[in-house]
Amino acid sequence: MFPLAVGAAPFGLMVGALAAQADLGQWDILMMSSLVFAGASQFTALDMWATPVPALSIIGVTLLVNLRHVLMGAAVAPHIRHLPTWCRWSFLYVMSDESWAMVLRSAAKRKLNAAYVLGVILPFYLNWLLWSVLGVTFGQVVKDPETYGFDFVFTAVFITLVMGFWRGWKSAPSLAASAVTAWVAHRYLPGVWYIFLGGVAGVVAGAIAYKEEADHVK
């Protein structure tokens, strides 16, 4: 989890810098990061920030960006069902792509317990709060993240997560279906539907491949 937390640092700084550009202070971004805790959604909301705040538009786009969490929650549900209620809800409240991937990978090797789940989500949550607040003060130092390659951090984190689930060529259909669908949706559909549709395509392709493998074993 430590490498992923380090990778989130520049991402948090960029969110803080965007908040400063939108005239938000440290307490504002602290409240936003602690309540929303969703990097992509915060980026989108801050990018749309104006006076007056287009609340309904921000809420709608945020819901669309986070639709993938429905699929993620369904995938992890069988592995956290036995945990105490407070632990399950805490995990789901602060579930990020990184913590979801860590928990799902560990669940494939051993039964999860509350201490492990708490050890995954709490440091990552506090890490995000810290760097997004620091970004309000220090993020302006890096006025153009692309100059230093910081804009690639988000992409690099997701490539790392995807490779962690790589199980040889059996994983290829899901990845290909997700990538192609996301690319087509990004090119031809407005908004951020490509995030959700790419996830759905990957799930469907994975389910079909699993069924064919199960039928072959029989």
Foldseek 3Di string as FASTA:
>chain_A
DVVVLVLCQLLLLQLLQLCLVLVHALVRVLVVCLQVVASVLSVVLSVQQDVVRPVVVSVVLSCLLCVLLVVLCVLCCVQCVPEDPVLVVVCSRNPYLVLSLVSNLVSVPDRDYSVVSCVSRVVSSVSSSVSNSVSNVCVVVCVDCVVVPSVCSVVVSVVVSLVSPDDPCLLVQLQVQLVVQLVVCVVPPPRRNSNVRSSVRSVVSNVVSVVVVVVVVD
